[in-house]
Amino acid sequence: MEEDGFKKERIKLGKRIMHLRNQCINKDNGKPISQEELGLRTGYAKNHIGKIERGQTNPKIETLFSIAMELNVDIRELFNFD
């Protein structure tokens, strides 16, 4: 049962990261940054960013810090599920 709860939290985290990514506007084209662009900025593959956003993987804390930095938010903001 704990695993199910943890999976739900991973999904919430992924949705929050996706939401924040969509609010981060690319200065060159005026559009939200893509998974690919976030991956390039953080040094992670596009499919890894996608797995994080879908809640399919447990990201390391270093990964979350890198994502937060590129989205220009405090890491605590990634866990603001309200």
PDB file of N, CA and C in Angstrom:
ATOM      1  N   MET A   1       0.812  -1.189   0.000  1.00  0.00           N
ATOM      2  CA  MET A   1       0.000   0.000   0.000  1.00  0.00           C
ATOM      3  C   MET A   1       0.862   1.262   0.000  1.00  0.00           C
ATOM      4  N   GLU A   2       1.995   1.238   0.709  1.00  0.00           N
ATOM      5  CA  GLU A   2       2.879   2.397   0.711  1.00  0.00           C
ATOM      6  C   GLU A   2       3.372   2.704  -0.695  1.00  0.00           C
ATOM      7  N   GLU A   3       3.632   1.660  -1.458  1.00  0.00           N
ATOM      8  CA  GLU A   3       4.125   1.848  -2.816  1.00  0.00           C
ATOM      9  C   GLU A   3       3.102   2.593  -3.665  1.00  0.00           C
ATOM     10  N   ASP A   4       1.812   2.269  -3.501  1.00  0.00           N
ATOM     11  CA  ASP A   4       0.766   2.963  -4.246  1.00  0.00           C
ATOM     12  C   ASP A   4       0.734   4.443  -3.890  1.00  0.00           C
ATOM     13  N   GLY A   5       0.872   4.768  -2.626  1.00  0.00           N
ATOM     14  CA  GLY A   5       0.891   6.160  -2.190  1.00  0.00           C
ATOM     15  C   GLY A   5       2.090   6.896  -2.739  1.00  0.00           C
ATOM     16  N   PHE A   6       3.235   6.214  -2.750  1.00  0.00           N
ATOM     17  CA  PHE A   6       4.445   6.821  -3.279  1.00  0.00           C
ATOM     18  C   PHE A   6       4.308   7.069  -4.779  1.00  0.00           C
ATOM     19  N   LYS A   7       3.688   6.148  -5.480  1.00  0.00           N
ATOM     20  CA  LYS A   7       3.479   6.313  -6.917  1.00  0.00           C
ATOM     21  C   LYS A   7       2.596   7.530  -7.185  1.00  0.00           C
ATOM     22  N   LYS A   8       1.576   7.709  -6.372  1.00  0.00           N
ATOM     23  CA  LYS A   8       0.697   8.872  -6.526  1.00  0.00           C
ATOM     24  C   LYS A   8       1.475  10.167  -6.321  1.00  0.00           C
ATOM     25  N   GLU A   9       2.397  10.167  -5.374  1.00  0.00           N
ATOM     26  CA  GLU A   9       3.208  11.356  -5.122  1.00  0.00           C
ATOM     27  C   GLU A   9       4.154  11.630  -6.290  1.00  0.00           C
ATOM     28  N   ARG A  10       4.713  10.562  -6.881  1.00  0.00           N
ATOM     29  CA  ARG A  10       5.577  10.737  -8.061  1.00  0.00           C
ATOM     30  C   ARG A  10       4.792  11.351  -9.207  1.00  0.00           C
ATOM     31  N   ILE A  11       3.547  10.898  -9.381  1.00  0.00           N
ATOM     32  CA  ILE A  11       2.697  11.439 -10.444  1.00  0.00           C
ATOM     33  C   ILE A  11       2.389  12.909 -10.182  1.00  0.00           C
ATOM     34  N   LYS A  12       2.102  13.255  -8.928  1.00  0.00           N
ATOM     35  CA  LYS A  12       1.847  14.659  -8.576  1.00  0.00           C
ATOM     36  C   LYS A  12       3.078  15.514  -8.858  1.00  0.00           C
ATOM     37  N   LEU A  13       4.255  14.992  -8.495  1.00  0.00           N
ATOM     38  CA  LEU A  13       5.494  15.713  -8.746  1.00  0.00           C
ATOM     39  C   LEU A  13       5.686  15.932 -10.243  1.00  0.00           C
ATOM     40  N   GLY A  14       5.457  14.891 -11.021  1.00  0.00           N
ATOM     41  CA  GLY A  14       5.612  14.998 -12.467  1.00  0.00           C
ATOM     42  C   GLY A  14       4.658  16.014 -13.072  1.00  0.00           C
ATOM     43  N   LYS A  15       3.418  16.005 -12.630  1.00  0.00           N
ATOM     44  CA  LYS A  15       2.437  16.976 -13.138  1.00  0.00           C
ATOM     45  C   LYS A  15       2.834  18.393 -12.755  1.00  0.00           C
ATOM     46  N   ARG A  16       3.380  18.544 -11.552  1.00  0.00           N
ATOM     47  CA  ARG A  16       3.812  19.871 -11.110  1.00  0.00           C
ATOM     48  C   ARG A  16       4.973  20.365 -11.950  1.00  0.00           C
ATOM     49  N   ILE A  17       5.926  19.484 -12.234  1.00  0.00           N
ATOM     50  CA  ILE A  17       7.065  19.863 -13.082  1.00  0.00           C
ATOM     51  C   ILE A  17       6.569  20.233 -14.475  1.00  0.00           C
ATOM     52  N   MET A  18       5.631  19.453 -15.027  1.00  0.00           N
ATOM     53  CA  MET A  18       5.089  19.762 -16.344  1.00  0.00           C
ATOM     54  C   MET A  18       4.398  21.125 -16.333  1.00  0.00           C
ATOM     55  N   HIS A  19       3.636  21.389 -15.289  1.00  0.00           N
ATOM     56  CA  HIS A  19       2.938  22.673 -15.174  1.00  0.00           C
ATOM     57  C   HIS A  19       3.942  23.827 -15.146  1.00  0.00           C
ATOM     58  N   LEU A  20       4.974  23.692 -14.323  1.00  0.00           N
ATOM     59  CA  LEU A  20       5.987  24.743 -14.234  1.00  0.00           C
ATOM     60  C   LEU A  20       6.761  24.895 -15.536  1.00  0.00           C
ATOM     61  N   ARG A  21       7.031  23.774 -16.195  1.00  0.00           N
ATOM     62  CA  ARG A  21       7.739  23.836 -17.483  1.00  0.00           C
ATOM     63  C   ARG A  21       6.904  24.596 -18.504  1.00  0.00           C
ATOM     64  N   ASN A  22       5.597  24.367 -18.499  1.00  0.00           N
ATOM     65  CA  ASN A  22       4.722  25.053 -19.448  1.00  0.00           C
ATOM     66  C   ASN A  22       4.583  26.539 -19.145  1.00  0.00           C
ATOM     67  N   GLN A  23       4.921  26.943 -17.932  1.00  0.00           N
ATOM     68  CA  GLN A  23       4.900  28.363 -17.580  1.00  0.00           C
ATOM     69  C   GLN A  23       6.221  29.055 -17.903  1.00  0.00           C
ATOM     70  N   CYS A  24       7.248  28.262 -18.150  1.00  0.00           N
ATOM     71  CA  CYS A  24       8.571  28.797 -18.461  1.00  0.00           C
ATOM     72  C   CYS A  24       8.630  29.078 -19.969  1.00  0.00           C
ATOM     73  N   ILE A  25       8.692  30.336 -20.315  1.00  0.00           N
ATOM     74  CA  ILE A  25       8.607  30.745 -21.721  1.00  0.00           C
ATOM     75  C   ILE A  25      10.008  30.879 -22.330  1.00  0.00           C
ATOM     76  N   ASN A  26      10.165  30.291 -23.509  1.00  0.00           N
ATOM     77  CA  ASN A  26      11.401  30.412 -24.279  1.00  0.00           C
ATOM     78  C   ASN A  26      11.466  31.838 -24.830  1.00  0.00           C
ATOM     79  N   LYS A  27      12.540  32.536 -24.538  1.00  0.00           N
ATOM     80  CA  LYS A  27      12.682  33.927 -24.976  1.00  0.00           C
ATOM     81  C   LYS A  27      12.799  34.061 -26.494  1.00  0.00           C
ATOM     82  N   ASP A  28      13.292  33.015 -27.154  1.00  0.00           N
ATOM     83  CA  ASP A  28      13.488  33.076 -28.605  1.00  0.00           C
ATOM     84  C   ASP A  28      12.190  32.983 -29.391  1.00  0.00           C
ATOM     85  N   ASN A  29      11.260  32.096 -28.956  1.00  0.00           N
ATOM     86  CA  ASN A  29      10.053  31.898 -29.746  1.00  0.00           C
ATOM     87  C   ASN A  29       8.761  32.254 -29.015  1.00  0.00           C
ATOM     88  N   GLY A  30       8.861  32.643 -27.739  1.00  0.00           N
ATOM     89  CA  GLY A  30       7.677  33.039 -26.986  1.00  0.00           C
ATOM     90  C   GLY A  30       6.757  31.901 -26.587  1.00  0.00           C
ATOM     91  N   LYS A  31       7.228  30.658 -26.727  1.00  0.00           N
ATOM     92  CA  LYS A  31       6.427  29.482 -26.390  1.00  0.00           C
ATOM     93  C   LYS A  31       6.997  28.809 -25.144  1.00  0.00           C
ATOM     94  N   PRO A  32       6.162  28.000 -24.464  1.00  0.00           N
ATOM     95  CA  PRO A  32       6.691  27.251 -23.321  1.00  0.00           C
ATOM     96  C   PRO A  32       7.828  26.333 -23.756  1.00  0.00           C
ATOM     97  N   ILE A  33       8.769  26.110 -22.842  1.00  0.00           N
ATOM     98  CA  ILE A  33       9.870  25.227 -23.204  1.00  0.00           C
ATOM     99  C   ILE A  33       9.369  23.784 -23.292  1.00  0.00           C
ATOM    100  N   SER A  34       9.984  23.035 -24.166  1.00  0.00           N
ATOM    101  CA  SER A  34       9.606  21.639 -24.386  1.00  0.00           C
ATOM    102  C   SER A  34      10.391  20.730 -23.434  1.00  0.00           C
ATOM    103  N   GLN A  35       9.995  19.467 -23.395  1.00  0.00           N
ATOM    104  CA  GLN A  35      10.758  18.482 -22.636  1.00  0.00           C
ATOM    105  C   GLN A  35      12.180  18.403 -23.176  1.00  0.00           C
ATOM    106  N   GLU A  36      12.300  18.476 -24.485  1.00  0.00           N
ATOM    107  CA  GLU A  36      13.614  18.401 -25.110  1.00  0.00           C
ATOM    108  C   GLU A  36      14.498  19.566 -24.665  1.00  0.00           C
ATOM    109  N   GLU A  37      13.929  20.771 -24.664  1.00  0.00           N
ATOM    110  CA  GLU A  37      14.710  21.938 -24.257  1.00  0.00           C
ATOM    111  C   GLU A  37      15.098  21.846 -22.777  1.00  0.00           C
ATOM    112  N   LEU A  38      14.162  21.419 -21.928  1.00  0.00           N
ATOM    113  CA  LEU A  38      14.483  21.260 -20.514  1.00  0.00           C
ATOM    114  C   LEU A  38      15.582  20.214 -20.349  1.00  0.00           C
ATOM    115  N   GLY A  39      15.499  19.152 -21.134  1.00  0.00           N
ATOM    116  CA  GLY A  39      16.537  18.133 -21.102  1.00  0.00           C
ATOM    117  C   GLY A  39      17.895  18.681 -21.508  1.00  0.00           C
ATOM    118  N   LEU A  40      17.917  19.486 -22.560  1.00  0.00           N
ATOM    119  CA  LEU A  40      19.180  20.077 -23.003  1.00  0.00           C
ATOM    120  C   LEU A  40      19.748  21.018 -21.945  1.00  0.00           C
ATOM    121  N   ARG A  41      18.877  21.790 -21.316  1.00  0.00           N
ATOM    122  CA  ARG A  41      19.323  22.738 -20.291  1.00  0.00           C
ATOM    123  C   ARG A  41      19.846  22.042 -19.047  1.00  0.00           C
ATOM    124  N   THR A  42      19.280  20.888 -18.722  1.00  0.00           N
ATOM    125  CA  THR A  42      19.664  20.180 -17.498  1.00  0.00           C
ATOM    126  C   THR A  42      20.679  19.070 -17.733  1.00  0.00           C
ATOM    127  N   GLY A  43      20.858  18.685 -18.977  1.00  0.00           N
ATOM    128  CA  GLY A  43      21.791  17.606 -19.286  1.00  0.00           C
ATOM    129  C   GLY A  43      21.167  16.226 -19.239  1.00  0.00           C
ATOM    130  N   TYR A  44      19.838  16.161 -19.255  1.00  0.00           N
ATOM    131  CA  TYR A  44      19.136  14.881 -19.243  1.00  0.00           C
ATOM    132  C   TYR A  44      18.425  14.674 -20.575  1.00  0.00           C
ATOM    133  N   ALA A  45      18.230  13.438 -20.933  1.00  0.00           N
ATOM    134  CA  ALA A  45      17.557  13.111 -22.190  1.00  0.00           C
ATOM    135  C   ALA A  45      16.073  13.492 -22.115  1.00  0.00           C
ATOM    136  N   LYS A  46      15.510  13.808 -23.270  1.00  0.00           N
ATOM    137  CA  LYS A  46      14.097  14.165 -23.369  1.00  0.00           C
ATOM    138  C   LYS A  46      13.222  13.071 -22.778  1.00  0.00           C
ATOM    139  N   ASN A  47      13.545  11.815 -23.062  1.00  0.00           N
ATOM    140  CA  ASN A  47      12.696  10.729 -22.557  1.00  0.00           C
ATOM    141  C   ASN A  47      12.801  10.595 -21.039  1.00  0.00           C
ATOM    142  N   HIS A  48      13.919  10.994 -20.450  1.00  0.00           N
ATOM    143  CA  HIS A  48      14.046  10.978 -18.992  1.00  0.00           C
ATOM    144  C   HIS A  48      13.136  12.053 -18.380  1.00  0.00           C
ATOM    145  N   ILE A  49      13.118  13.225 -18.976  1.00  0.00           N
ATOM    146  CA  ILE A  49      12.226  14.294 -18.509  1.00  0.00           C
ATOM    147  C   ILE A  49      10.778  13.816 -18.631  1.00  0.00           C
ATOM    148  N   GLY A  50      10.445  13.159 -19.729  1.00  0.00           N
ATOM    149  CA  GLY A  50       9.096  12.627 -19.928  1.00  0.00           C
ATOM    150  C   GLY A  50       8.724  11.602 -18.867  1.00  0.00           C
ATOM    151  N   LYS A  51       9.652  10.721 -18.524  1.00  0.00           N
ATOM    152  CA  LYS A  51       9.387   9.712 -17.487  1.00  0.00           C
ATOM    153  C   LYS A  51       9.158  10.376 -16.131  1.00  0.00           C
ATOM    154  N   ILE A  52       9.916  11.418 -15.845  1.00  0.00           N
ATOM    155  CA  ILE A  52       9.712  12.152 -14.595  1.00  0.00           C
ATOM    156  C   ILE A  52       8.324  12.787 -14.592  1.00  0.00           C
ATOM    157  N   GLU A  53       7.950  13.420 -15.696  1.00  0.00           N
ATOM    158  CA  GLU A  53       6.652  14.091 -15.771  1.00  0.00           C
ATOM    159  C   GLU A  53       5.486  13.104 -15.705  1.00  0.00           C
ATOM    160  N   ARG A  54       5.689  11.878 -16.142  1.00  0.00           N
ATOM    161  CA  ARG A  54       4.633  10.857 -16.079  1.00  0.00           C
ATOM    162  C   ARG A  54       4.663  10.062 -14.770  1.00  0.00           C
ATOM    163  N   GLY A  55       5.624  10.355 -13.915  1.00  0.00           N
ATOM    164  CA  GLY A  55       5.715   9.667 -12.640  1.00  0.00           C
ATOM    165  C   GLY A  55       6.225   8.249 -12.768  1.00  0.00           C
ATOM    166  N   GLN A  56       6.986   7.963 -13.806  1.00  0.00           N
ATOM    167  CA  GLN A  56       7.465   6.607 -14.064  1.00  0.00           C
ATOM    168  C   GLN A  56       8.843   6.320 -13.490  1.00  0.00           C
ATOM    169  N   THR A  57       9.490   7.318 -12.919  1.00  0.00           N
ATOM    170  CA  THR A  57      10.827   7.134 -12.381  1.00  0.00           C
ATOM    171  C   THR A  57      10.994   7.963 -11.121  1.00  0.00           C
ATOM    172  N   ASN A  58      11.926   7.554 -10.298  1.00  0.00           N
ATOM    173  CA  ASN A  58      12.260   8.300  -9.087  1.00  0.00           C
ATOM    174  C   ASN A  58      13.469   9.181  -9.385  1.00  0.00           C
ATOM    175  N   PRO A  59      13.264  10.466  -9.593  1.00  0.00           N
ATOM    176  CA  PRO A  59      14.408  11.325  -9.904  1.00  0.00           C
ATOM    177  C   PRO A  59      15.291  11.538  -8.683  1.00  0.00           C
ATOM    178  N   LYS A  60      16.578  11.629  -8.926  1.00  0.00           N
ATOM    179  CA  LYS A  60      17.521  11.931  -7.857  1.00  0.00           C
ATOM    180  C   LYS A  60      17.329  13.382  -7.432  1.00  0.00           C
ATOM    181  N   ILE A  61      17.737  13.686  -6.225  1.00  0.00           N
ATOM    182  CA  ILE A  61      17.608  15.055  -5.721  1.00  0.00           C
ATOM    183  C   ILE A  61      18.412  16.024  -6.589  1.00  0.00           C
ATOM    184  N   GLU A  62      19.552  15.571  -7.105  1.00  0.00           N
ATOM    185  CA  GLU A  62      20.368  16.423  -7.975  1.00  0.00           C
ATOM    186  C   GLU A  62      19.600  16.779  -9.248  1.00  0.00           C
ATOM    187  N   THR A  63      18.846  15.812  -9.750  1.00  0.00           N
ATOM    188  CA  THR A  63      18.027  16.046 -10.945  1.00  0.00           C
ATOM    189  C   THR A  63      16.967  17.089 -10.649  1.00  0.00           C
ATOM    190  N   LEU A  64      16.311  16.963  -9.500  1.00  0.00           N
ATOM    191  CA  LEU A  64      15.264  17.916  -9.129  1.00  0.00           C
ATOM    192  C   LEU A  64      15.830  19.317  -8.920  1.00  0.00           C
ATOM    193  N   PHE A  65      17.015  19.415  -8.313  1.00  0.00           N
ATOM    194  CA  PHE A  65      17.649  20.724  -8.157  1.00  0.00           C
ATOM    195  C   PHE A  65      17.950  21.338  -9.517  1.00  0.00           C
ATOM    196  N   SER A  66      18.434  20.519 -10.433  1.00  0.00           N
ATOM    197  CA  SER A  66      18.756  21.003 -11.773  1.00  0.00           C
ATOM    198  C   SER A  66      17.500  21.481 -12.500  1.00  0.00           C
ATOM    199  N   ILE A  67      16.426  20.715 -12.401  1.00  0.00           N
ATOM    200  CA  ILE A  67      15.164  21.095 -13.035  1.00  0.00           C
ATOM    201  C   ILE A  67      14.642  22.393 -12.426  1.00  0.00           C
ATOM    202  N   ALA A  68      14.648  22.485 -11.098  1.00  0.00           N
ATOM    203  CA  ALA A  68      14.169  23.699 -10.433  1.00  0.00           C
ATOM    204  C   ALA A  68      14.983  24.910 -10.862  1.00  0.00           C
ATOM    205  N   MET A  69      16.288  24.751 -10.937  1.00  0.00           N
ATOM    206  CA  MET A  69      17.142  25.863 -11.345  1.00  0.00           C
ATOM    207  C   MET A  69      16.802  26.333 -12.754  1.00  0.00           C
ATOM    208  N   GLU A  70      16.610  25.402 -13.680  1.00  0.00           N
ATOM    209  CA  GLU A  70      16.303  25.772 -15.060  1.00  0.00           C
ATOM    210  C   GLU A  70      14.894  26.346 -15.218  1.00  0.00           C
ATOM    211  N   LEU A  71      13.989  25.964 -14.312  1.00  0.00           N
ATOM    212  CA  LEU A  71      12.637  26.524 -14.348  1.00  0.00           C
ATOM    213  C   LEU A  71      12.555  27.815 -13.537  1.00  0.00           C
ATOM    214  N   ASN A  72      13.690  28.199 -12.944  1.00  0.00           N
ATOM    215  CA  ASN A  72      13.795  29.439 -12.183  1.00  0.00           C
ATOM    216  C   ASN A  72      12.843  29.465 -10.985  1.00  0.00           C
ATOM    217  N   VAL A  73      12.772  28.321 -10.281  1.00  0.00           N
ATOM    218  CA  VAL A  73      11.948  28.221  -9.077  1.00  0.00           C
ATOM    219  C   VAL A  73      12.773  27.586  -7.963  1.00  0.00           C
ATOM    220  N   ASP A  74      12.366  27.833  -6.741  1.00  0.00           N
ATOM    221  CA  ASP A  74      12.956  27.162  -5.593  1.00  0.00           C
ATOM    222  C   ASP A  74      12.522  25.695  -5.646  1.00  0.00           C
ATOM    223  N   ILE A  75      13.386  24.788  -5.230  1.00  0.00           N
ATOM    224  CA  ILE A  75      13.053  23.365  -5.309  1.00  0.00           C
ATOM    225  C   ILE A  75      11.773  23.038  -4.549  1.00  0.00           C
ATOM    226  N   ARG A  76      11.483  23.778  -3.492  1.00  0.00           N
ATOM    227  CA  ARG A  76      10.249  23.536  -2.733  1.00  0.00           C
ATOM    228  C   ARG A  76       9.015  23.737  -3.598  1.00  0.00           C
ATOM    229  N   GLU A  77       9.134  24.578  -4.601  1.00  0.00           N
ATOM    230  CA  GLU A  77       8.005  24.846  -5.504  1.00  0.00           C
ATOM    231  C   GLU A  77       7.620  23.601  -6.292  1.00  0.00           C
ATOM    232  N   LEU A  78       8.559  22.696  -6.521  1.00  0.00           N
ATOM    233  CA  LEU A  78       8.250  21.454  -7.235  1.00  0.00           C
ATOM    234  C   LEU A  78       7.293  20.584  -6.439  1.00  0.00           C
ATOM    235  N   PHE A  79       7.281  20.760  -5.128  1.00  0.00           N
ATOM    236  CA  PHE A  79       6.454  19.935  -4.253  1.00  0.00           C
ATOM    237  C   PHE A  79       5.191  20.648  -3.771  1.00  0.00           C
ATOM    238  N   ASN A  80       4.897  21.785  -4.362  1.00  0.00           N
ATOM    239  CA  ASN A  80       3.685  22.534  -4.026  1.00  0.00           C
ATOM    240  C   ASN A  80       2.555  21.992  -4.889  1.00  0.00           C
ATOM    241  N   PHE A  81       1.866  20.974  -4.391  1.00  0.00           N
ATOM    242  CA  PHE A  81       0.845  20.255  -5.167  1.00  0.00           C
ATOM    243  C   PHE A  81      -0.546  20.879  -5.091  1.00  0.00           C
ATOM    244  N   ASP A  82      -0.684  22.006  -4.395  1.00  0.00           N
ATOM    245  CA  ASP A  82      -2.033  22.615  -4.252  1.00  0.00           C
ATOM    246  C   ASP A  82      -2.594  23.086  -5.569  1.00  0.00           C
TER     247      ASP A  82
END
